[in-house]
N, C-alpha and C. Protein backbone atom coordinates (compact mmCIF):
# COMPACT_ATOMS: atom_id res chain seq x y z
N UNK A 1 -78.01 -150.59 18.72
CA UNK A 1 -76.61 -150.91 18.55
C UNK A 1 -75.91 -150.77 19.90
N UNK A 2 -75.09 -151.75 20.21
CA UNK A 2 -74.36 -151.74 21.47
C UNK A 2 -72.96 -151.16 21.29
N UNK A 3 -72.37 -150.77 22.39
CA UNK A 3 -70.98 -150.33 22.37
C UNK A 3 -70.09 -151.50 21.96
N UNK A 4 -69.02 -151.23 21.21
CA UNK A 4 -68.13 -152.31 20.80
C UNK A 4 -67.30 -152.82 21.97
N UNK A 5 -66.84 -154.04 21.85
CA UNK A 5 -65.92 -154.59 22.84
C UNK A 5 -64.52 -154.07 22.54
N UNK A 6 -63.66 -154.17 23.53
CA UNK A 6 -62.27 -153.74 23.30
C UNK A 6 -61.63 -154.57 22.20
N UNK A 7 -61.99 -155.84 22.11
CA UNK A 7 -61.43 -156.70 21.06
C UNK A 7 -61.85 -156.23 19.66
N UNK A 8 -63.09 -155.77 19.53
CA UNK A 8 -63.54 -155.25 18.24
C UNK A 8 -62.77 -153.98 17.87
N UNK A 9 -62.51 -153.15 18.84
CA UNK A 9 -61.78 -151.90 18.59
C UNK A 9 -60.34 -152.20 18.18
N UNK A 10 -59.72 -153.14 18.88
CA UNK A 10 -58.35 -153.54 18.53
C UNK A 10 -58.33 -154.12 17.11
N UNK A 11 -59.30 -154.97 16.78
CA UNK A 11 -59.35 -155.57 15.44
C UNK A 11 -59.50 -154.51 14.36
N UNK A 12 -60.32 -153.50 14.61
CA UNK A 12 -60.48 -152.42 13.63
C UNK A 12 -59.16 -151.69 13.43
N UNK A 13 -58.48 -151.37 14.52
CA UNK A 13 -57.18 -150.70 14.41
C UNK A 13 -56.16 -151.58 13.70
N UNK A 14 -56.15 -152.87 13.99
CA UNK A 14 -55.22 -153.79 13.34
C UNK A 14 -55.50 -153.88 11.83
N UNK A 15 -56.77 -153.83 11.46
CA UNK A 15 -57.14 -153.84 10.04
C UNK A 15 -56.58 -152.61 9.36
N UNK A 16 -56.76 -151.45 9.98
CA UNK A 16 -56.22 -150.20 9.45
C UNK A 16 -54.70 -150.27 9.38
N UNK A 17 -54.10 -150.74 10.45
CA UNK A 17 -52.64 -150.81 10.55
C UNK A 17 -52.06 -151.71 9.46
N UNK A 18 -52.70 -152.83 9.23
CA UNK A 18 -52.25 -153.77 8.21
C UNK A 18 -52.43 -153.19 6.81
N UNK A 19 -53.57 -152.56 6.57
CA UNK A 19 -53.86 -152.01 5.24
C UNK A 19 -52.84 -150.96 4.82
N UNK A 20 -52.33 -150.21 5.78
CA UNK A 20 -51.38 -149.15 5.47
C UNK A 20 -49.95 -149.48 5.90
N UNK A 21 -49.74 -150.75 6.26
CA UNK A 21 -48.41 -151.24 6.62
C UNK A 21 -47.74 -150.33 7.67
N UNK A 22 -48.48 -150.03 8.72
CA UNK A 22 -47.98 -149.19 9.80
C UNK A 22 -47.35 -150.10 10.86
N UNK A 23 -46.10 -149.85 11.16
CA UNK A 23 -45.38 -150.69 12.11
C UNK A 23 -45.72 -150.39 13.56
N UNK A 24 -45.97 -149.13 13.85
CA UNK A 24 -46.18 -148.68 15.22
C UNK A 24 -47.66 -148.74 15.62
N UNK A 25 -47.94 -149.44 16.71
CA UNK A 25 -49.31 -149.49 17.23
C UNK A 25 -49.77 -148.07 17.58
N UNK A 26 -48.90 -147.33 18.22
CA UNK A 26 -49.27 -145.97 18.63
C UNK A 26 -49.64 -145.12 17.41
N UNK A 27 -48.86 -145.19 16.35
CA UNK A 27 -49.16 -144.40 15.16
C UNK A 27 -50.53 -144.78 14.60
N UNK A 28 -50.82 -146.09 14.55
CA UNK A 28 -52.11 -146.54 14.04
C UNK A 28 -53.25 -146.05 14.95
N UNK A 29 -53.03 -146.11 16.26
CA UNK A 29 -54.04 -145.61 17.19
C UNK A 29 -54.27 -144.11 17.00
N UNK A 30 -53.19 -143.37 16.83
CA UNK A 30 -53.31 -141.92 16.62
C UNK A 30 -54.10 -141.62 15.34
N UNK A 31 -53.80 -142.36 14.28
CA UNK A 31 -54.49 -142.12 13.01
C UNK A 31 -55.95 -142.53 13.07
N UNK A 32 -56.25 -143.64 13.73
CA UNK A 32 -57.65 -144.05 13.88
C UNK A 32 -58.42 -143.02 14.69
N UNK A 33 -57.81 -142.54 15.77
CA UNK A 33 -58.45 -141.51 16.59
C UNK A 33 -58.70 -140.25 15.77
N UNK A 34 -57.72 -139.87 14.97
CA UNK A 34 -57.86 -138.67 14.14
C UNK A 34 -59.01 -138.82 13.14
N UNK A 35 -59.20 -140.02 12.60
CA UNK A 35 -60.30 -140.24 11.65
C UNK A 35 -61.66 -139.87 12.24
N UNK A 36 -61.81 -140.08 13.55
CA UNK A 36 -63.11 -139.81 14.18
C UNK A 36 -63.07 -138.58 15.08
N UNK A 37 -62.06 -137.75 14.87
CA UNK A 37 -61.92 -136.48 15.61
C UNK A 37 -61.85 -136.71 17.12
N UNK A 38 -61.06 -137.72 17.49
CA UNK A 38 -60.87 -138.04 18.90
C UNK A 38 -59.38 -137.95 19.23
N UNK A 39 -59.04 -138.27 20.47
CA UNK A 39 -57.64 -138.20 20.89
C UNK A 39 -57.03 -139.60 20.95
N UNK A 40 -55.71 -139.61 20.86
CA UNK A 40 -54.98 -140.87 21.01
C UNK A 40 -55.29 -141.50 22.37
N UNK A 41 -55.33 -140.68 23.41
CA UNK A 41 -55.59 -141.20 24.76
C UNK A 41 -56.94 -141.88 24.86
N UNK A 42 -57.95 -141.29 24.24
CA UNK A 42 -59.28 -141.90 24.27
C UNK A 42 -59.26 -143.23 23.53
N UNK A 43 -58.61 -143.26 22.35
CA UNK A 43 -58.56 -144.51 21.59
C UNK A 43 -57.85 -145.60 22.39
N UNK A 44 -56.73 -145.24 23.01
CA UNK A 44 -55.98 -146.20 23.81
C UNK A 44 -56.84 -146.75 24.95
N UNK A 45 -57.60 -145.88 25.60
CA UNK A 45 -58.47 -146.32 26.70
C UNK A 45 -59.58 -147.23 26.18
N UNK A 46 -60.10 -146.97 24.98
CA UNK A 46 -61.11 -147.86 24.40
C UNK A 46 -60.50 -149.23 24.14
N UNK A 47 -59.29 -149.25 23.60
CA UNK A 47 -58.63 -150.54 23.34
C UNK A 47 -58.30 -151.28 24.63
N UNK A 48 -57.93 -150.56 25.65
CA UNK A 48 -57.59 -151.18 26.94
C UNK A 48 -58.82 -151.62 27.73
N UNK A 49 -60.00 -151.16 27.31
CA UNK A 49 -61.22 -151.48 28.03
C UNK A 49 -61.47 -150.59 29.23
N UNK A 50 -60.70 -149.50 29.33
CA UNK A 50 -60.85 -148.56 30.45
C UNK A 50 -61.99 -147.57 30.22
N UNK A 51 -62.49 -147.53 28.99
CA UNK A 51 -63.54 -146.59 28.62
C UNK A 51 -64.37 -147.25 27.52
N UNK A 52 -65.67 -147.00 27.53
CA UNK A 52 -66.54 -147.55 26.49
C UNK A 52 -66.70 -146.54 25.36
N UNK A 53 -66.61 -147.04 24.13
CA UNK A 53 -66.82 -146.18 22.97
C UNK A 53 -68.32 -146.09 22.70
N UNK A 54 -68.80 -144.89 22.48
CA UNK A 54 -70.21 -144.69 22.16
C UNK A 54 -70.53 -145.42 20.85
N UNK A 55 -71.68 -146.08 20.76
CA UNK A 55 -72.03 -146.80 19.54
C UNK A 55 -72.00 -145.93 18.27
N UNK A 56 -72.34 -144.66 18.40
CA UNK A 56 -72.29 -143.76 17.24
C UNK A 56 -70.86 -143.53 16.77
N UNK A 57 -69.93 -143.42 17.71
CA UNK A 57 -68.52 -143.28 17.34
C UNK A 57 -67.99 -144.56 16.71
N UNK A 58 -68.45 -145.70 17.22
CA UNK A 58 -68.05 -146.98 16.65
C UNK A 58 -68.51 -147.09 15.20
N UNK A 59 -69.75 -146.70 14.97
CA UNK A 59 -70.26 -146.74 13.60
C UNK A 59 -69.43 -145.82 12.71
N UNK A 60 -69.13 -144.62 13.19
CA UNK A 60 -68.31 -143.69 12.43
C UNK A 60 -66.92 -144.27 12.17
N UNK A 61 -66.32 -144.85 13.19
CA UNK A 61 -64.97 -145.42 13.06
C UNK A 61 -64.94 -146.53 12.01
N UNK A 62 -65.91 -147.42 12.05
CA UNK A 62 -65.90 -148.53 11.08
C UNK A 62 -66.11 -148.01 9.66
N UNK A 63 -66.98 -147.03 9.51
CA UNK A 63 -67.20 -146.45 8.18
C UNK A 63 -65.97 -145.71 7.67
N UNK A 64 -65.36 -144.92 8.53
CA UNK A 64 -64.21 -144.13 8.10
C UNK A 64 -63.00 -145.01 7.79
N UNK A 65 -62.76 -146.02 8.61
CA UNK A 65 -61.64 -146.93 8.34
C UNK A 65 -61.88 -147.65 7.01
N UNK A 66 -63.08 -148.16 6.83
CA UNK A 66 -63.41 -148.86 5.60
C UNK A 66 -63.27 -147.94 4.38
N UNK A 67 -63.81 -146.73 4.48
CA UNK A 67 -63.73 -145.79 3.36
C UNK A 67 -62.30 -145.35 3.08
N UNK A 68 -61.50 -145.18 4.12
CA UNK A 68 -60.10 -144.78 3.95
C UNK A 68 -59.31 -145.87 3.25
N UNK A 69 -59.54 -147.11 3.65
CA UNK A 69 -58.85 -148.23 3.01
C UNK A 69 -59.29 -148.35 1.55
N UNK A 70 -60.58 -148.26 1.31
CA UNK A 70 -61.12 -148.36 -0.05
C UNK A 70 -60.57 -147.25 -0.94
N UNK A 71 -60.56 -146.03 -0.44
CA UNK A 71 -60.09 -144.89 -1.22
C UNK A 71 -58.61 -144.99 -1.55
N UNK A 72 -57.85 -145.66 -0.70
CA UNK A 72 -56.41 -145.77 -0.93
C UNK A 72 -56.07 -146.82 -1.98
N UNK A 73 -57.02 -147.74 -2.26
CA UNK A 73 -56.74 -148.81 -3.22
C UNK A 73 -58.03 -149.22 -3.94
N UNK A 74 -58.55 -148.37 -4.82
CA UNK A 74 -59.82 -148.68 -5.47
C UNK A 74 -59.78 -149.92 -6.35
N UNK A 75 -58.62 -150.22 -6.97
CA UNK A 75 -58.54 -151.40 -7.83
C UNK A 75 -58.74 -152.68 -7.03
N UNK A 76 -58.10 -152.76 -5.87
CA UNK A 76 -58.25 -153.94 -5.02
C UNK A 76 -59.69 -154.09 -4.55
N UNK A 77 -60.33 -152.97 -4.27
CA UNK A 77 -61.72 -153.00 -3.84
C UNK A 77 -62.61 -153.55 -4.95
N UNK A 78 -62.39 -153.10 -6.17
CA UNK A 78 -63.19 -153.59 -7.30
C UNK A 78 -62.95 -155.08 -7.53
N UNK A 79 -61.70 -155.53 -7.39
CA UNK A 79 -61.40 -156.95 -7.53
C UNK A 79 -62.12 -157.77 -6.46
N UNK A 80 -62.11 -157.26 -5.23
CA UNK A 80 -62.77 -157.95 -4.12
C UNK A 80 -64.27 -158.05 -4.37
N UNK A 81 -64.86 -156.98 -4.86
CA UNK A 81 -66.29 -156.99 -5.16
C UNK A 81 -66.61 -157.95 -6.30
N UNK A 82 -65.74 -158.00 -7.29
CA UNK A 82 -65.97 -158.92 -8.42
C UNK A 82 -65.89 -160.37 -7.95
N UNK A 83 -64.98 -160.67 -7.06
CA UNK A 83 -64.87 -162.06 -6.54
C UNK A 83 -66.11 -162.44 -5.75
N UNK A 84 -66.69 -161.50 -5.05
CA UNK A 84 -67.91 -161.77 -4.27
C UNK A 84 -69.07 -162.18 -5.18
N UNK A 85 -69.11 -161.60 -6.36
CA UNK A 85 -70.22 -161.84 -7.27
C UNK A 85 -70.04 -163.09 -8.12
N UNK A 86 -68.83 -163.67 -8.12
CA UNK A 86 -68.59 -164.88 -8.91
C UNK A 86 -69.36 -166.05 -8.30
N UNK A 87 -69.95 -166.89 -9.17
CA UNK A 87 -70.66 -168.07 -8.65
C UNK A 87 -69.69 -169.04 -7.99
N UNK A 88 -70.17 -169.71 -6.99
CA UNK A 88 -69.32 -170.66 -6.24
C UNK A 88 -69.16 -171.96 -6.99
């Protein structure tokens, strides 16, 4: 597994930000960093491309963001899964 690109990191934060209707980029960055026990400054540097995120942290971040979104809205998750299984 390779380190994520800055665009992938931004997209993950934007997904989180949108799911929780967070207006402030900084707040979303702080919360994403907190999910993986990191600092806001580190997250910002990953998004800016000034620092590379370790692939293990990237894997953790994607899992935690996904799980946090799912846990906040289990009904929507079940609906999404049901639509996936419907024949085309």
